Amino acid sequence: MRVFVRSEDMHGRKRIETQSRDACKIRARFSLNS
């Protein structure tokens, strides 16, 4: 299963996140990267 995470918080648009453990980890990485 591939995790589809779309983070467009920078542009203030909708962000699509798949409910999965990997999604949380990737989301954390994006948050730190931002």
Foldseek 3Di string as FASTA:
>chain_A
DDWDWADPVVVPDDIDGDPDPVSVVVVVVVVVVD
